[in-house]
């Protein structure tokens, strides 16, 4: 990653009051990290990210 990426915190993370936050950066792929441990990053392709979000949003 040579370019600077923009990170967004999940609105659900701040609601729990514990200070634990999940951040995501969307560009040509999706990066997900813990705001307290920014060195560890999960990387998803755009297609994998869309599939994950679709499954999370799907009614059970």
N, C-alpha and C. Protein backbone atom coordinates (compact mmCIF):
# COMPACT_ATOMS: atom_id res chain seq x y z
N UNK A 1 0.84 -1.18 0.00
CA UNK A 1 0.00 0.00 0.00
C UNK A 1 0.88 1.24 0.00
N UNK A 2 1.05 1.83 -1.11
CA UNK A 2 1.87 3.04 -1.18
C UNK A 2 1.02 4.29 -1.03
N UNK A 3 -0.26 4.24 -1.37
CA UNK A 3 -1.15 5.39 -1.22
C UNK A 3 -1.78 5.39 0.16
N UNK A 4 -2.09 6.59 0.61
CA UNK A 4 -2.83 6.73 1.87
C UNK A 4 -4.27 6.30 1.64
N UNK A 5 -4.81 5.56 2.56
CA UNK A 5 -6.20 5.11 2.45
C UNK A 5 -7.04 5.83 3.49
N UNK A 6 -8.32 5.96 3.20
CA UNK A 6 -9.27 6.55 4.14
C UNK A 6 -9.93 5.42 4.91
N UNK A 7 -9.92 5.53 6.23
CA UNK A 7 -10.52 4.52 7.10
C UNK A 7 -11.79 5.08 7.73
N UNK A 8 -12.85 4.25 7.79
CA UNK A 8 -14.11 4.63 8.43
C UNK A 8 -14.39 3.66 9.57
N UNK A 9 -14.88 4.20 10.68
CA UNK A 9 -15.25 3.35 11.81
C UNK A 9 -16.70 2.93 11.67
N UNK A 10 -16.98 1.72 12.08
CA UNK A 10 -18.34 1.23 12.10
C UNK A 10 -19.16 1.98 13.13
N UNK A 11 -20.36 2.40 12.77
CA UNK A 11 -21.23 3.08 13.73
C UNK A 11 -21.68 2.12 14.83
N UNK A 12 -21.72 0.83 14.56
CA UNK A 12 -22.10 -0.16 15.56
C UNK A 12 -21.00 -0.36 16.59
N UNK A 13 -19.76 -0.17 16.20
CA UNK A 13 -18.65 -0.37 17.13
C UNK A 13 -18.66 0.64 18.26
N UNK A 14 -18.95 1.89 17.96
CA UNK A 14 -18.93 2.93 19.00
C UNK A 14 -20.14 2.83 19.92
N UNK A 15 -21.16 2.12 19.53
CA UNK A 15 -22.38 2.03 20.33
C UNK A 15 -22.22 1.12 21.54
N UNK A 16 -21.19 0.26 21.55
CA UNK A 16 -21.06 -0.68 22.66
C UNK A 16 -20.37 -0.07 23.88
N UNK A 17 -19.79 1.13 23.77
CA UNK A 17 -19.21 1.83 24.90
C UNK A 17 -17.87 1.32 25.37
N UNK A 18 -17.34 0.26 24.78
CA UNK A 18 -16.08 -0.32 25.24
C UNK A 18 -14.87 0.28 24.54
N UNK A 19 -15.10 1.09 23.53
CA UNK A 19 -13.99 1.67 22.79
C UNK A 19 -13.42 0.75 21.72
N UNK A 20 -13.98 -0.44 21.58
CA UNK A 20 -13.53 -1.37 20.55
C UNK A 20 -14.20 -0.99 19.23
N UNK A 21 -13.38 -0.73 18.22
CA UNK A 21 -13.92 -0.26 16.95
C UNK A 21 -13.37 -1.07 15.78
N UNK A 22 -14.23 -1.30 14.83
CA UNK A 22 -13.83 -1.91 13.57
C UNK A 22 -13.77 -0.80 12.54
N UNK A 23 -12.71 -0.79 11.73
CA UNK A 23 -12.56 0.21 10.68
C UNK A 23 -12.46 -0.50 9.34
N UNK A 24 -12.97 0.16 8.30
CA UNK A 24 -12.91 -0.40 6.96
C UNK A 24 -12.42 0.68 6.00
N UNK A 25 -11.64 0.24 5.03
CA UNK A 25 -11.16 1.12 3.97
C UNK A 25 -11.54 0.48 2.64
N UNK A 26 -12.36 1.19 1.86
CA UNK A 26 -12.83 0.66 0.59
C UNK A 26 -12.17 1.40 -0.55
N UNK A 27 -11.51 0.69 -1.41
CA UNK A 27 -10.89 1.23 -2.62
C UNK A 27 -11.09 0.16 -3.69
N UNK A 28 -10.04 -0.29 -4.33
CA UNK A 28 -10.19 -1.39 -5.30
C UNK A 28 -10.39 -2.72 -4.59
N UNK A 29 -10.10 -2.76 -3.28
CA UNK A 29 -10.38 -3.91 -2.43
C UNK A 29 -10.88 -3.38 -1.09
N UNK A 30 -11.20 -4.25 -0.16
CA UNK A 30 -11.68 -3.83 1.15
C UNK A 30 -10.68 -4.29 2.21
N UNK A 31 -10.27 -3.37 3.06
CA UNK A 31 -9.40 -3.68 4.18
C UNK A 31 -10.18 -3.46 5.46
N UNK A 32 -10.03 -4.38 6.42
CA UNK A 32 -10.73 -4.30 7.69
C UNK A 32 -9.69 -4.44 8.80
N UNK A 33 -9.79 -3.59 9.83
CA UNK A 33 -8.84 -3.66 10.94
C UNK A 33 -9.51 -3.27 12.25
N UNK A 34 -8.86 -3.62 13.33
CA UNK A 34 -9.25 -3.21 14.67
C UNK A 34 -8.57 -1.87 14.93
N UNK A 35 -9.31 -0.87 15.37
CA UNK A 35 -8.73 0.46 15.55
C UNK A 35 -7.65 0.49 16.62
N UNK A 36 -7.64 -0.48 17.52
CA UNK A 36 -6.61 -0.53 18.56
C UNK A 36 -5.40 -1.34 18.12
N UNK A 37 -5.50 -2.07 17.01
CA UNK A 37 -4.39 -2.87 16.49
C UNK A 37 -4.35 -2.66 14.98
N UNK A 38 -3.90 -1.49 14.56
CA UNK A 38 -3.98 -1.12 13.15
C UNK A 38 -2.97 -1.85 12.27
N UNK A 39 -2.06 -2.62 12.86
CA UNK A 39 -1.08 -3.36 12.07
C UNK A 39 -1.65 -4.62 11.45
N UNK A 40 -2.66 -5.20 12.07
CA UNK A 40 -3.28 -6.42 11.56
C UNK A 40 -4.48 -6.04 10.69
N UNK A 41 -4.44 -6.46 9.43
CA UNK A 41 -5.48 -6.07 8.47
C UNK A 41 -5.97 -7.30 7.72
N UNK A 42 -7.29 -7.42 7.59
CA UNK A 42 -7.90 -8.43 6.74
C UNK A 42 -8.14 -7.80 5.38
N UNK A 43 -7.81 -8.51 4.31
CA UNK A 43 -8.00 -7.98 2.95
C UNK A 43 -9.02 -8.83 2.22
N UNK A 44 -10.00 -8.17 1.62
CA UNK A 44 -11.03 -8.82 0.83
C UNK A 44 -11.02 -8.25 -0.58
N UNK A 45 -11.22 -9.08 -1.58
CA UNK A 45 -11.45 -8.56 -2.92
C UNK A 45 -12.80 -7.84 -2.91
N UNK A 46 -13.04 -7.02 -3.91
CA UNK A 46 -14.32 -6.31 -4.00
C UNK A 46 -15.49 -7.30 -4.04
N UNK A 47 -15.33 -8.38 -4.79
CA UNK A 47 -16.40 -9.38 -4.90
C UNK A 47 -16.63 -10.10 -3.58
N UNK A 48 -15.55 -10.45 -2.87
CA UNK A 48 -15.69 -11.14 -1.58
C UNK A 48 -16.34 -10.22 -0.55
N UNK A 49 -15.97 -8.93 -0.57
CA UNK A 49 -16.56 -7.97 0.37
C UNK A 49 -18.06 -7.83 0.11
N UNK A 50 -18.45 -7.71 -1.15
CA UNK A 50 -19.87 -7.59 -1.49
C UNK A 50 -20.64 -8.84 -1.06
N UNK A 51 -20.04 -10.01 -1.23
CA UNK A 51 -20.71 -11.24 -0.79
C UNK A 51 -20.85 -11.29 0.72
N UNK A 52 -19.82 -10.89 1.45
CA UNK A 52 -19.87 -10.87 2.92
C UNK A 52 -20.95 -9.90 3.40
N UNK A 53 -20.96 -8.70 2.88
CA UNK A 53 -21.95 -7.71 3.29
C UNK A 53 -23.36 -8.19 2.93
N UNK A 54 -23.51 -8.81 1.78
CA UNK A 54 -24.82 -9.35 1.39
C UNK A 54 -25.30 -10.42 2.35
N UNK A 55 -24.41 -11.29 2.82
CA UNK A 55 -24.79 -12.33 3.76
C UNK A 55 -25.13 -11.75 5.13
N UNK A 56 -24.39 -10.74 5.56
CA UNK A 56 -24.66 -10.11 6.85
C UNK A 56 -26.02 -9.41 6.83
N UNK A 57 -26.35 -8.78 5.71
CA UNK A 57 -27.60 -8.03 5.60
C UNK A 57 -28.80 -8.93 5.31
N UNK A 58 -28.56 -10.15 4.86
CA UNK A 58 -29.66 -11.04 4.47
C UNK A 58 -30.53 -11.38 5.68
N UNK A 59 -31.85 -11.38 5.49
CA UNK A 59 -32.73 -11.77 6.59
C UNK A 59 -32.52 -13.23 6.95
N UNK A 60 -32.59 -13.52 8.22
CA UNK A 60 -32.38 -14.91 8.66
C UNK A 60 -33.67 -15.65 8.83
